Amino acid sequence: MNELERLLEKEKQIKAKIQAAKSRESEKQRKLETRRKILIGAMVLEGMKNSEEYESKIRQNLDKYLTKNKDRVLFGLPEIKEG
């Protein structure tokens, strides 16, 4: 194997390591984002249990935000008729 071939092989290995590191970082960020969503959701649900006014505001916002009927059903919102 000549020097060029060795360097090309080394480049290939480095690119694979870079891709693996990027994948690990991406997975780490996805997990952090999921944890943030869970914690915010728990806080909002707790607030909804403790305050009718807060619950009403959240439901109004959800009614505007949620467009998929399968999601709306989770919060007892009326289905959106398609068409």
C-alpha atoms as a PDB file:
ATOM      1  CA  MET A   1       0.000   0.000   0.000  1.00  0.00           C
ATOM      2  CA  ASN A   2       1.535   3.311  -1.016  1.00  0.00           C
ATOM      3  CA  GLU A   3       1.377   6.560   0.933  1.00  0.00           C
ATOM      4  CA  LEU A   4      -1.632   7.922  -0.985  1.00  0.00           C
ATOM      5  CA  GLU A   5      -3.627   4.770  -0.300  1.00  0.00           C
ATOM      6  CA  ARG A   6      -2.717   4.922   3.404  1.00  0.00           C
ATOM      7  CA  LEU A   7      -3.767   8.568   3.608  1.00  0.00           C
ATOM      8  CA  LEU A   8      -7.040   7.866   1.825  1.00  0.00           C
ATOM      9  CA  GLU A   9      -7.745   4.998   4.212  1.00  0.00           C
ATOM     10  CA  LYS A  10      -6.935   7.242   7.176  1.00  0.00           C
ATOM     11  CA  GLU A  11      -9.266   9.908   5.740  1.00  0.00           C
ATOM     12  CA  LYS A  12     -12.038   7.326   5.434  1.00  0.00           C
ATOM     13  CA  GLN A  13     -11.554   6.277   9.070  1.00  0.00           C
ATOM     14  CA  ILE A  14     -11.556   9.883  10.279  1.00  0.00           C
ATOM     15  CA  LYS A  15     -14.746  10.630   8.343  1.00  0.00           C
ATOM     16  CA  ALA A  16     -16.390   7.583   9.936  1.00  0.00           C
ATOM     17  CA  LYS A  17     -15.327   8.776  13.408  1.00  0.00           C
ATOM     18  CA  ILE A  18     -16.663  12.259  12.688  1.00  0.00           C
ATOM     19  CA  GLN A  19     -19.998  10.836  11.526  1.00  0.00           C
ATOM     20  CA  ALA A  20     -20.237   8.647  14.633  1.00  0.00           C
ATOM     21  CA  ALA A  21     -19.514  11.646  16.876  1.00  0.00           C
ATOM     22  CA  LYS A  22     -22.139  13.722  15.074  1.00  0.00           C
ATOM     23  CA  SER A  23     -24.671  10.924  15.513  1.00  0.00           C
ATOM     24  CA  ARG A  24     -23.919  10.658  19.235  1.00  0.00           C
ATOM     25  CA  GLU A  25     -24.269  14.429  19.671  1.00  0.00           C
ATOM     26  CA  SER A  26     -27.525  14.470  17.723  1.00  0.00           C
ATOM     27  CA  GLU A  27     -28.932  11.643  19.854  1.00  0.00           C
ATOM     28  CA  LYS A  28     -27.852  13.460  23.019  1.00  0.00           C
ATOM     29  CA  GLN A  29     -29.631  16.638  21.875  1.00  0.00           C
ATOM     30  CA  ARG A  30     -32.818  14.680  21.009  1.00  0.00           C
ATOM     31  CA  LYS A  31     -32.829  13.142  24.492  1.00  0.00           C
ATOM     32  CA  LEU A  32     -32.385  16.554  26.125  1.00  0.00           C
ATOM     33  CA  GLU A  33     -35.208  17.991  24.016  1.00  0.00           C
ATOM     34  CA  THR A  34     -37.484  15.103  24.996  1.00  0.00           C
ATOM     35  CA  ARG A  35     -36.648  15.625  28.676  1.00  0.00           C
ATOM     36  CA  ARG A  36     -37.438  19.354  28.382  1.00  0.00           C
ATOM     37  CA  LYS A  37     -40.789  18.564  26.788  1.00  0.00           C
ATOM     38  CA  ILE A  38     -41.655  16.054  29.501  1.00  0.00           C
ATOM     39  CA  LEU A  39     -40.766  18.482  32.283  1.00  0.00           C
ATOM     40  CA  ILE A  40     -42.677  21.373  30.718  1.00  0.00           C
ATOM     41  CA  GLY A  41     -45.646  19.090  30.103  1.00  0.00           C
ATOM     42  CA  ALA A  42     -45.627  17.921  33.712  1.00  0.00           C
ATOM     43  CA  MET A  43     -45.500  21.525  34.923  1.00  0.00           C
ATOM     44  CA  VAL A  44     -48.403  22.544  32.678  1.00  0.00           C
ATOM     45  CA  LEU A  45     -50.524  19.549  33.676  1.00  0.00           C
ATOM     46  CA  GLU A  46     -49.904  20.301  37.350  1.00  0.00           C
ATOM     47  CA  GLY A  47     -50.893  23.919  36.773  1.00  0.00           C
ATOM     48  CA  MET A  48     -54.070  22.793  35.033  1.00  0.00           C
ATOM     49  CA  LYS A  49     -54.984  20.668  38.058  1.00  0.00           C
ATOM     50  CA  ASN A  50     -54.488  23.589  40.424  1.00  0.00           C
ATOM     51  CA  SER A  51     -56.142  26.447  38.551  1.00  0.00           C
ATOM     52  CA  GLU A  52     -59.325  26.489  36.493  1.00  0.00           C
ATOM     53  CA  GLU A  53     -58.289  29.799  34.908  1.00  0.00           C
ATOM     54  CA  TYR A  54     -54.912  28.381  33.890  1.00  0.00           C
ATOM     55  CA  GLU A  55     -56.581  25.231  32.557  1.00  0.00           C
ATOM     56  CA  SER A  56     -58.975  27.323  30.491  1.00  0.00           C
ATOM     57  CA  LYS A  57     -56.117  29.318  28.951  1.00  0.00           C
ATOM     58  CA  ILE A  58     -54.138  26.170  28.158  1.00  0.00           C
ATOM     59  CA  ARG A  59     -57.192  24.531  26.559  1.00  0.00           C
ATOM     60  CA  GLN A  60     -57.786  27.632  24.423  1.00  0.00           C
ATOM     61  CA  ASN A  61     -54.181  27.532  23.258  1.00  0.00           C
ATOM     62  CA  LEU A  62     -54.328  23.795  22.609  1.00  0.00           C
ATOM     63  CA  ASP A  63     -57.519  24.260  20.611  1.00  0.00           C
ATOM     64  CA  LYS A  64     -55.643  26.628  18.302  1.00  0.00           C
ATOM     65  CA  TYR A  65     -52.387  24.654  18.250  1.00  0.00           C
ATOM     66  CA  LEU A  66     -53.524  21.043  17.825  1.00  0.00           C
ATOM     67  CA  THR A  67     -54.616  20.219  14.294  1.00  0.00           C
ATOM     68  CA  LYS A  68     -54.576  16.410  14.377  1.00  0.00           C
ATOM     69  CA  ASN A  69     -57.718  14.815  15.767  1.00  0.00           C
ATOM     70  CA  LYS A  70     -55.747  12.021  17.436  1.00  0.00           C
ATOM     71  CA  ASP A  71     -53.907  14.720  19.431  1.00  0.00           C
ATOM     72  CA  ARG A  72     -57.043  16.734  20.191  1.00  0.00           C
ATOM     73  CA  VAL A  73     -58.763  13.667  21.656  1.00  0.00           C
ATOM     74  CA  LEU A  74     -56.018  13.413  24.308  1.00  0.00           C
ATOM     75  CA  PHE A  75     -57.188  16.737  25.735  1.00  0.00           C
ATOM     76  CA  GLY A  76     -60.915  16.263  25.268  1.00  0.00           C
ATOM     77  CA  LEU A  77     -61.081  18.800  22.437  1.00  0.00           C
ATOM     78  CA  PRO A  78     -63.645  18.484  19.677  1.00  0.00           C
ATOM     79  CA  GLU A  79     -62.514  16.915  16.450  1.00  0.00           C
ATOM     80  CA  ILE A  80     -61.813  19.105  13.448  1.00  0.00           C
ATOM     81  CA  LYS A  81     -63.940  18.159  10.464  1.00  0.00           C
ATOM     82  CA  GLU A  82     -61.866  17.772   7.336  1.00  0.00           C
ATOM     83  CA  GLY A  83     -62.896  19.147   3.992  1.00  0.00           C
END
